[in-house]
Amino acid sequence: MPNVRQLVQFKTSGKKIVALTAWDFAIAQILDAAGVDLILVGDSLAMVALGYENTLPLTLDEIIHHAKAVKRGVKSALIVVDLPFLSYQTSTEVAIQSAGRILKETGAQAVKLEGGYPKMVETIARMVEVGIPVMGHIGLTPQSVHQLGYRQQGKTEDDQDRLISAAIALERAGVFSIVLEHIPADLAKLISEKLSIPTIGIGAGVDCDGQILVTADLLGMTIRQPPFAKVYVDLRAIITQAVQAYSADVNS
């Protein structure tokens, strides 16, 4: 089973990190058997599994519940769990308690949280200091949807400078990796070159040290696909056809 140190070694050796999200036992088992390096129990499960409009309503108890199920299906991959909205932003103490619950109750190896502003960097440094492995996340941060929307970030020179500074500050704070979401490919490449820790891109070009997608997007199970998510199979159509065939058999 990979650990956070091995992910850093992947960057040194040039091995790309293959990452996907999971929200239940069945999906986690499939991803793990397929050889995925990292499985993120992302707060995207708020929409994929629970039917919320965005990630904000998701609670700590809900993500812990799903992370436990994912852990039961995984034998090899590194498991990282998102900290939900307002489970870490209010204070360092709250962040440590929330992350501690996740690690203790789920068996996951690390947590991920959004933001690279100074107060968040201070919080992350303290979390790392007490032994909590942390993955950073900058660019488009879905928990800031009411401020940022879902549009690409890092288009202006000021925003690019801010994201570069945030990435460097997060590395110094001790994160073992950073997700770069929906930023220009040339900016993601520049950030990846500046850091000694791996970057994992989602809609950030091919030059990151790894890639992640929401698995439901990859499988064609979501109605509103992000513009950067390649659909590898239309599972929604396949399942619909299977259910219709079953219904026809029952009725005949």
C-alpha atoms as a PDB file:
ATOM      1  CA  MET A   1       0.000   0.000   0.000  1.00  0.00           C
ATOM      2  CA  PRO A   2       1.550   3.358  -1.016  1.00  0.00           C
ATOM      3  CA  ASN A   3       2.225   5.897   1.705  1.00  0.00           C
ATOM      4  CA  VAL A   4       2.643   9.639   1.422  1.00  0.00           C
ATOM      5  CA  ARG A   5       6.435   9.353   1.231  1.00  0.00           C
ATOM      6  CA  GLN A   6       6.172   7.005  -1.745  1.00  0.00           C
ATOM      7  CA  LEU A   7       4.042   9.546  -3.613  1.00  0.00           C
ATOM      8  CA  VAL A   8       6.864  12.044  -3.285  1.00  0.00           C
ATOM      9  CA  GLN A   9       9.254   9.382  -4.591  1.00  0.00           C
ATOM     10  CA  PHE A  10       6.959   8.880  -7.594  1.00  0.00           C
ATOM     11  CA  LYS A  11       7.723  12.463  -8.618  1.00  0.00           C
ATOM     12  CA  THR A  12      11.455  11.886  -8.336  1.00  0.00           C
ATOM     13  CA  SER A  13      11.273   8.715 -10.422  1.00  0.00           C
ATOM     14  CA  GLY A  14       8.912  10.221 -12.985  1.00  0.00           C
ATOM     15  CA  LYS A  15       6.040   7.831 -12.296  1.00  0.00           C
ATOM     16  CA  LYS A  16       2.671   9.481 -12.818  1.00  0.00           C
ATOM     17  CA  ILE A  17       0.142   9.228  -9.966  1.00  0.00           C
ATOM     18  CA  VAL A  18      -3.184   7.697 -10.987  1.00  0.00           C
ATOM     19  CA  ALA A  19      -5.968   8.967  -8.720  1.00  0.00           C
ATOM     20  CA  LEU A  20      -9.762   8.669  -8.724  1.00  0.00           C
ATOM     21  CA  THR A  21     -12.606   9.272  -6.281  1.00  0.00           C
ATOM     22  CA  ALA A  22     -14.757   6.676  -4.539  1.00  0.00           C
ATOM     23  CA  TRP A  23     -17.858   6.917  -2.386  1.00  0.00           C
ATOM     24  CA  ASP A  24     -18.757   3.303  -1.525  1.00  0.00           C
ATOM     25  CA  PHE A  25     -17.390  -0.222  -1.115  1.00  0.00           C
ATOM     26  CA  ALA A  26     -18.198  -1.438  -4.633  1.00  0.00           C
ATOM     27  CA  ILE A  27     -16.547   1.441  -6.498  1.00  0.00           C
ATOM     28  CA  ALA A  28     -13.537   1.423  -4.152  1.00  0.00           C
ATOM     29  CA  GLN A  29     -13.019  -2.312  -4.673  1.00  0.00           C
ATOM     30  CA  ILE A  30     -13.080  -1.912  -8.469  1.00  0.00           C
ATOM     31  CA  LEU A  31     -10.669   1.040  -8.484  1.00  0.00           C
ATOM     32  CA  ASP A  32      -8.262  -0.718  -6.143  1.00  0.00           C
ATOM     33  CA  ALA A  33      -8.280  -3.939  -8.181  1.00  0.00           C
ATOM     34  CA  ALA A  34      -7.641  -1.876 -11.326  1.00  0.00           C
ATOM     35  CA  GLY A  35      -4.403  -0.553  -9.825  1.00  0.00           C
ATOM     36  CA  VAL A  36      -5.232   3.053  -8.945  1.00  0.00           C
ATOM     37  CA  ASP A  37      -2.481   4.585  -6.781  1.00  0.00           C
ATOM     38  CA  LEU A  38      -4.642   6.982  -4.774  1.00  0.00           C
ATOM     39  CA  ILE A  39      -8.341   6.940  -3.945  1.00  0.00           C
ATOM     40  CA  LEU A  40      -9.891  10.181  -2.752  1.00  0.00           C
ATOM     41  CA  VAL A  41     -13.091  10.062  -0.747  1.00  0.00           C
ATOM     42  CA  GLY A  42     -13.953  13.465  -2.108  1.00  0.00           C
ATOM     43  CA  ASP A  43     -16.652  15.822  -0.984  1.00  0.00           C
ATOM     44  CA  SER A  44     -17.972  15.408  -4.545  1.00  0.00           C
ATOM     45  CA  LEU A  45     -19.882  12.488  -3.028  1.00  0.00           C
ATOM     46  CA  ALA A  46     -22.275  15.174  -1.783  1.00  0.00           C
ATOM     47  CA  MET A  47     -23.563  15.410  -5.347  1.00  0.00           C
ATOM     48  CA  VAL A  48     -22.685  11.970  -6.719  1.00  0.00           C
ATOM     49  CA  ALA A  49     -24.018   9.848  -3.849  1.00  0.00           C
ATOM     50  CA  LEU A  50     -26.265  12.134  -1.806  1.00  0.00           C
ATOM     51  CA  GLY A  51     -27.903  14.328  -4.433  1.00  0.00           C
ATOM     52  CA  TYR A  52     -26.939  17.723  -3.027  1.00  0.00           C
ATOM     53  CA  GLU A  53     -26.625  20.690  -5.405  1.00  0.00           C
ATOM     54  CA  ASN A  54     -23.008  21.324  -4.374  1.00  0.00           C
ATOM     55  CA  THR A  55     -20.470  20.159  -1.780  1.00  0.00           C
ATOM     56  CA  LEU A  56     -21.403  22.597   0.974  1.00  0.00           C
ATOM     57  CA  PRO A  57     -24.140  20.608   2.800  1.00  0.00           C
ATOM     58  CA  LEU A  58     -21.885  17.558   3.344  1.00  0.00           C
ATOM     59  CA  THR A  59     -21.166  16.869   7.021  1.00  0.00           C
ATOM     60  CA  LEU A  60     -18.166  15.338   8.716  1.00  0.00           C
ATOM     61  CA  ASP A  61     -20.283  12.402   9.888  1.00  0.00           C
ATOM     62  CA  GLU A  62     -21.471  11.757   6.329  1.00  0.00           C
ATOM     63  CA  ILE A  63     -18.005  11.670   4.798  1.00  0.00           C
ATOM     64  CA  ILE A  64     -16.712   9.468   7.623  1.00  0.00           C
ATOM     65  CA  HIS A  65     -19.587   7.048   6.942  1.00  0.00           C
ATOM     66  CA  HIS A  66     -18.643   6.806   3.256  1.00  0.00           C
ATOM     67  CA  ALA A  67     -14.890   6.673   3.925  1.00  0.00           C
ATOM     68  CA  LYS A  68     -15.381   3.656   6.170  1.00  0.00           C
ATOM     69  CA  ALA A  69     -17.149   1.854   3.323  1.00  0.00           C
ATOM     70  CA  VAL A  70     -14.396   2.794   0.884  1.00  0.00           C
ATOM     71  CA  LYS A  71     -11.693   1.555   3.263  1.00  0.00           C
ATOM     72  CA  ARG A  72     -13.373  -1.851   3.453  1.00  0.00           C
ATOM     73  CA  GLY A  73     -12.959  -2.220  -0.299  1.00  0.00           C
ATOM     74  CA  VAL A  74      -9.309  -1.161  -0.560  1.00  0.00           C
ATOM     75  CA  LYS A  75      -6.243  -3.334  -0.109  1.00  0.00           C
ATOM     76  CA  SER A  76      -3.530  -1.455  -1.995  1.00  0.00           C
ATOM     77  CA  ALA A  77      -4.323   2.197  -2.798  1.00  0.00           C
ATOM     78  CA  LEU A  78      -3.569   5.191  -0.584  1.00  0.00           C
ATOM     79  CA  ILE A  79      -6.834   6.606   0.780  1.00  0.00           C
ATOM     80  CA  VAL A  80      -7.234  10.368   1.243  1.00  0.00           C
ATOM     81  CA  VAL A  81     -10.418  11.921   2.633  1.00  0.00           C
ATOM     82  CA  ASP A  82     -11.719  15.454   2.052  1.00  0.00           C
ATOM     83  CA  LEU A  83     -12.485  17.632   5.040  1.00  0.00           C
ATOM     84  CA  PRO A  84     -16.011  19.026   4.441  1.00  0.00           C
ATOM     85  CA  PHE A  85     -16.934  22.693   4.426  1.00  0.00           C
ATOM     86  CA  LEU A  86     -16.624  24.323   7.892  1.00  0.00           C
ATOM     87  CA  SER A  87     -15.020  21.240   9.435  1.00  0.00           C
ATOM     88  CA  TYR A  88     -11.606  22.948   9.345  1.00  0.00           C
ATOM     89  CA  GLN A  89     -11.905  26.652   8.441  1.00  0.00           C
ATOM     90  CA  THR A  90     -13.052  28.052  11.778  1.00  0.00           C
ATOM     91  CA  SER A  91      -9.912  27.279  13.791  1.00  0.00           C
ATOM     92  CA  THR A  92      -6.791  25.135  13.885  1.00  0.00           C
ATOM     93  CA  GLU A  93      -8.210  23.185  16.814  1.00  0.00           C
ATOM     94  CA  VAL A  94     -11.376  22.320  14.883  1.00  0.00           C
ATOM     95  CA  ALA A  95      -9.304  21.273  11.870  1.00  0.00           C
ATOM     96  CA  ILE A  96      -7.123  18.962  13.958  1.00  0.00           C
ATOM     97  CA  GLN A  97     -10.147  17.427  15.672  1.00  0.00           C
ATOM     98  CA  SER A  98     -11.959  16.867  12.365  1.00  0.00           C
ATOM     99  CA  ALA A  99      -8.920  15.364  10.677  1.00  0.00           C
ATOM    100  CA  GLY A 100      -8.182  13.258  13.725  1.00  0.00           C
ATOM    101  CA  ARG A 101     -11.686  11.802  13.651  1.00  0.00           C
ATOM    102  CA  ILE A 102     -11.270  10.886   9.995  1.00  0.00           C
ATOM    103  CA  LEU A 103      -7.943   9.127  10.509  1.00  0.00           C
ATOM    104  CA  LYS A 104      -9.063   7.331  13.689  1.00  0.00           C
ATOM    105  CA  GLU A 105     -12.534   6.279  12.556  1.00  0.00           C
ATOM    106  CA  THR A 106     -11.962   5.419   8.897  1.00  0.00           C
ATOM    107  CA  GLY A 107      -8.435   4.042   8.661  1.00  0.00           C
ATOM    108  CA  ALA A 108      -7.588   6.474   5.851  1.00  0.00           C
ATOM    109  CA  GLN A 109      -3.973   7.595   5.623  1.00  0.00           C
ATOM    110  CA  ALA A 110      -4.419  11.318   4.921  1.00  0.00           C
ATOM    111  CA  VAL A 111      -6.841  14.205   4.592  1.00  0.00           C
ATOM    112  CA  LYS A 112      -7.261  16.913   1.962  1.00  0.00           C
ATOM    113  CA  LEU A 113      -8.410  20.468   2.469  1.00  0.00           C
ATOM    114  CA  GLU A 114      -8.873  23.485   0.250  1.00  0.00           C
ATOM    115  CA  GLY A 115      -7.090  26.831   0.266  1.00  0.00           C
ATOM    116  CA  GLY A 116      -3.622  28.323   0.325  1.00  0.00           C
ATOM    117  CA  TYR A 117      -4.169  31.648   2.090  1.00  0.00           C
ATOM    118  CA  PRO A 118      -1.935  32.464   5.091  1.00  0.00           C
ATOM    119  CA  LYS A 119      -4.312  31.391   7.881  1.00  0.00           C
ATOM    120  CA  MET A 120      -4.972  28.063   6.150  1.00  0.00           C
ATOM    121  CA  VAL A 121      -1.248  27.523   5.659  1.00  0.00           C
ATOM    122  CA  GLU A 122      -0.754  28.074   9.402  1.00  0.00           C
ATOM    123  CA  THR A 123      -3.493  25.547  10.157  1.00  0.00           C
ATOM    124  CA  ILE A 124      -1.942  22.974   7.839  1.00  0.00           C
ATOM    125  CA  ALA A 125       1.513  23.449   9.362  1.00  0.00           C
ATOM    126  CA  ARG A 126       0.084  22.729  12.801  1.00  0.00           C
ATOM    127  CA  MET A 127      -1.820  19.672  11.522  1.00  0.00           C
ATOM    128  CA  VAL A 128       1.347  18.272   9.979  1.00  0.00           C
ATOM    129  CA  GLU A 129       3.227  19.031  13.189  1.00  0.00           C
ATOM    130  CA  VAL A 130       0.893  16.783  15.190  1.00  0.00           C
ATOM    131  CA  GLY A 131       1.234  13.942  12.701  1.00  0.00           C
ATOM    132  CA  ILE A 132      -1.650  14.398  10.268  1.00  0.00           C
ATOM    133  CA  PRO A 133      -0.668  13.892   6.595  1.00  0.00           C
ATOM    134  CA  VAL A 134      -2.295  16.669   4.554  1.00  0.00           C
ATOM    135  CA  MET A 135      -2.891  17.091   0.827  1.00  0.00           C
ATOM    136  CA  GLY A 136      -3.428  20.666  -0.359  1.00  0.00           C
ATOM    137  CA  HIS A 137      -5.886  21.904  -2.985  1.00  0.00           C
ATOM    138  CA  ILE A 138      -5.726  25.211  -4.866  1.00  0.00           C
ATOM    139  CA  GLY A 139      -7.156  26.711  -8.047  1.00  0.00           C
ATOM    140  CA  LEU A 140     -10.847  26.047  -8.400  1.00  0.00           C
ATOM    141  CA  THR A 141     -11.936  25.139  -4.876  1.00  0.00           C
ATOM    142  CA  PRO A 142     -15.532  23.821  -4.963  1.00  0.00           C
ATOM    143  CA  GLN A 143     -16.246  24.754  -1.339  1.00  0.00           C
ATOM    144  CA  SER A 144     -15.847  28.396  -2.441  1.00  0.00           C
ATOM    145  CA  VAL A 145     -18.465  27.999  -5.164  1.00  0.00           C
ATOM    146  CA  HIS A 146     -20.441  31.067  -4.045  1.00  0.00           C
ATOM    147  CA  GLN A 147     -17.311  33.201  -4.366  1.00  0.00           C
ATOM    148  CA  LEU A 148     -15.582  31.638  -7.366  1.00  0.00           C
ATOM    149  CA  GLY A 149     -18.268  29.745  -9.247  1.00  0.00           C
ATOM    150  CA  TYR A 150     -16.955  26.852 -11.336  1.00  0.00           C
ATOM    151  CA  ARG A 151     -14.900  28.926 -13.767  1.00  0.00           C
ATOM    152  CA  GLN A 152     -11.222  28.454 -14.468  1.00  0.00           C
ATOM    153  CA  GLN A 153      -8.863  30.140 -12.007  1.00  0.00           C
ATOM    154  CA  GLY A 154      -5.422  31.673 -12.543  1.00  0.00           C
ATOM    155  CA  LYS A 155      -6.152  33.585 -15.731  1.00  0.00           C
ATOM    156  CA  THR A 156      -4.735  36.957 -14.685  1.00  0.00           C
ATOM    157  CA  GLU A 157      -1.126  37.652 -13.795  1.00  0.00           C
ATOM    158  CA  ASP A 158      -2.089  38.561 -10.222  1.00  0.00           C
ATOM    159  CA  ASP A 159      -4.052  35.328  -9.775  1.00  0.00           C
ATOM    160  CA  GLN A 160      -1.166  33.325 -11.212  1.00  0.00           C
ATOM    161  CA  ASP A 161       1.289  34.921  -8.789  1.00  0.00           C
ATOM    162  CA  ARG A 162      -1.116  34.245  -5.925  1.00  0.00           C
ATOM    163  CA  LEU A 163      -1.452  30.549  -6.834  1.00  0.00           C
ATOM    164  CA  ILE A 164       2.297  30.094  -7.235  1.00  0.00           C
ATOM    165  CA  SER A 165       2.895  31.698  -3.834  1.00  0.00           C
ATOM    166  CA  ALA A 166       0.169  29.539  -2.274  1.00  0.00           C
ATOM    167  CA  ALA A 167       1.669  26.345  -3.686  1.00  0.00           C
ATOM    168  CA  ILE A 168       5.130  27.214  -2.346  1.00  0.00           C
ATOM    169  CA  ALA A 169       3.685  28.135   1.055  1.00  0.00           C
ATOM    170  CA  LEU A 170       1.746  24.862   1.222  1.00  0.00           C
ATOM    171  CA  GLU A 171       4.869  22.852   0.465  1.00  0.00           C
ATOM    172  CA  ARG A 172       6.732  24.696   3.200  1.00  0.00           C
ATOM    173  CA  ALA A 173       3.848  23.968   5.577  1.00  0.00           C
ATOM    174  CA  GLY A 174       4.383  20.259   4.989  1.00  0.00           C
ATOM    175  CA  VAL A 175       1.707  19.036   2.568  1.00  0.00           C
ATOM    176  CA  PHE A 176       2.785  15.885   0.740  1.00  0.00           C
ATOM    177  CA  SER A 177       0.958  16.759  -2.474  1.00  0.00           C
ATOM    178  CA  ILE A 178      -1.244  19.481  -3.967  1.00  0.00           C
ATOM    179  CA  VAL A 179      -4.316  19.168  -6.172  1.00  0.00           C
ATOM    180  CA  LEU A 180      -4.367  21.800  -8.918  1.00  0.00           C
ATOM    181  CA  GLU A 181      -7.927  22.186 -10.170  1.00  0.00           C
ATOM    182  CA  HIS A 182      -9.085  23.921 -13.363  1.00  0.00           C
ATOM    183  CA  ILE A 183      -6.149  26.265 -13.922  1.00  0.00           C
ATOM    184  CA  PRO A 184      -4.271  26.984 -17.174  1.00  0.00           C
ATOM    185  CA  ALA A 185      -1.961  24.173 -18.246  1.00  0.00           C
ATOM    186  CA  ASP A 186       1.100  26.421 -18.477  1.00  0.00           C
ATOM    187  CA  LEU A 187       0.537  27.631 -14.914  1.00  0.00           C
ATOM    188  CA  ALA A 188       0.139  24.061 -13.633  1.00  0.00           C
ATOM    189  CA  LYS A 189       3.367  23.098 -15.412  1.00  0.00           C
ATOM    190  CA  LEU A 190       5.214  26.030 -13.821  1.00  0.00           C
ATOM    191  CA  ILE A 191       3.923  25.180 -10.334  1.00  0.00           C
ATOM    192  CA  SER A 192       4.813  21.506 -10.800  1.00  0.00           C
ATOM    193  CA  GLU A 193       8.363  22.438 -11.774  1.00  0.00           C
ATOM    194  CA  LYS A 194       8.796  24.737  -8.770  1.00  0.00           C
ATOM    195  CA  LEU A 195       7.733  22.122  -6.196  1.00  0.00           C
ATOM    196  CA  SER A 196       9.562  19.053  -4.893  1.00  0.00           C
ATOM    197  CA  ILE A 197       6.234  17.472  -3.904  1.00  0.00           C
ATOM    198  CA  PRO A 198       3.864  16.014  -6.529  1.00  0.00           C
ATOM    199  CA  THR A 199       1.013  17.946  -8.070  1.00  0.00           C
ATOM    200  CA  ILE A 200      -2.180  16.152  -9.051  1.00  0.00           C
ATOM    201  CA  GLY A 201      -4.146  17.863 -11.763  1.00  0.00           C
ATOM    202  CA  ILE A 202      -7.836  17.970 -12.542  1.00  0.00           C
ATOM    203  CA  GLY A 203      -8.477  20.140 -15.557  1.00  0.00           C
ATOM    204  CA  ALA A 204      -4.930  21.510 -15.284  1.00  0.00           C
ATOM    205  CA  GLY A 205      -3.162  20.016 -18.288  1.00  0.00           C
ATOM    206  CA  VAL A 206      -0.885  17.034 -18.781  1.00  0.00           C
ATOM    207  CA  ASP A 207       2.254  18.304 -17.042  1.00  0.00           C
ATOM    208  CA  CYS A 208       1.181  17.677 -13.446  1.00  0.00           C
ATOM    209  CA  ASP A 209       2.753  14.732 -11.601  1.00  0.00           C
ATOM    210  CA  GLY A 210      -0.556  12.887 -11.560  1.00  0.00           C
ATOM    211  CA  GLN A 211      -4.182  13.184 -12.537  1.00  0.00           C
ATOM    212  CA  ILE A 212      -7.487  12.797 -10.723  1.00  0.00           C
ATOM    213  CA  LEU A 213     -11.089  12.763 -11.913  1.00  0.00           C
ATOM    214  CA  VAL A 214     -14.400  12.270 -10.184  1.00  0.00           C
ATOM    215  CA  THR A 215     -15.060   8.634 -11.050  1.00  0.00           C
ATOM    216  CA  ALA A 216     -18.718   9.278 -11.799  1.00  0.00           C
ATOM    217  CA  ASP A 217     -17.619  11.741 -14.501  1.00  0.00           C
ATOM    218  CA  LEU A 218     -15.183   9.249 -16.008  1.00  0.00           C
ATOM    219  CA  LEU A 219     -17.966   6.634 -16.127  1.00  0.00           C
ATOM    220  CA  GLY A 220     -20.524   8.973 -17.671  1.00  0.00           C
ATOM    221  CA  MET A 221     -22.827   8.747 -14.668  1.00  0.00           C
ATOM    222  CA  THR A 222     -23.279  12.470 -14.047  1.00  0.00           C
ATOM    223  CA  ILE A 223     -25.684  14.673 -15.987  1.00  0.00           C
ATOM    224  CA  ARG A 224     -23.528  17.826 -15.948  1.00  0.00           C
ATOM    225  CA  GLN A 225     -20.009  16.874 -17.011  1.00  0.00           C
ATOM    226  CA  PRO A 226     -17.162  19.317 -16.256  1.00  0.00           C
ATOM    227  CA  PRO A 227     -15.594  20.620 -19.487  1.00  0.00           C
ATOM    228  CA  PHE A 228     -12.242  19.037 -18.629  1.00  0.00           C
ATOM    229  CA  ALA A 229     -13.530  15.546 -17.725  1.00  0.00           C
ATOM    230  CA  LYS A 230     -13.117  12.883 -20.407  1.00  0.00           C
ATOM    231  CA  VAL A 231     -15.958  10.355 -20.446  1.00  0.00           C
ATOM    232  CA  TYR A 232     -14.449   6.896 -20.964  1.00  0.00           C
ATOM    233  CA  VAL A 233     -17.741   4.986 -20.976  1.00  0.00           C
ATOM    234  CA  ASP A 234     -21.412   6.023 -20.950  1.00  0.00           C
ATOM    235  CA  LEU A 235     -22.406   3.943 -17.954  1.00  0.00           C
ATOM    236  CA  ARG A 236     -25.635   5.888 -17.504  1.00  0.00           C
ATOM    237  CA  ALA A 237     -26.818   4.660 -20.917  1.00  0.00           C
ATOM    238  CA  ILE A 238     -25.579   1.109 -20.289  1.00  0.00           C
ATOM    239  CA  ILE A 239     -27.376   0.876 -16.937  1.00  0.00           C
ATOM    240  CA  THR A 240     -30.541   2.351 -18.438  1.00  0.00           C
ATOM    241  CA  GLN A 241     -30.507  -0.236 -21.220  1.00  0.00           C
ATOM    242  CA  ALA A 242     -29.915  -3.049 -18.748  1.00  0.00           C
ATOM    243  CA  VAL A 243     -32.817  -1.935 -16.525  1.00  0.00           C
ATOM    244  CA  GLN A 244     -35.092  -1.574 -19.548  1.00  0.00           C
ATOM    245  CA  ALA A 245     -34.139  -5.086 -20.717  1.00  0.00           C
ATOM    246  CA  TYR A 246     -34.846  -6.436 -17.242  1.00  0.00           C
ATOM    247  CA  SER A 247     -38.194  -4.649 -17.162  1.00  0.00           C
ATOM    248  CA  ALA A 248     -39.089  -6.122 -20.557  1.00  0.00           C
ATOM    249  CA  ASP A 249     -38.232  -9.602 -19.296  1.00  0.00           C
ATOM    250  CA  VAL A 250     -40.371  -9.152 -16.188  1.00  0.00           C
ATOM    251  CA  ASN A 251     -43.325  -7.841 -18.182  1.00  0.00           C
ATOM    252  CA  SER A 252     -43.107 -10.670 -20.712  1.00  0.00           C
END
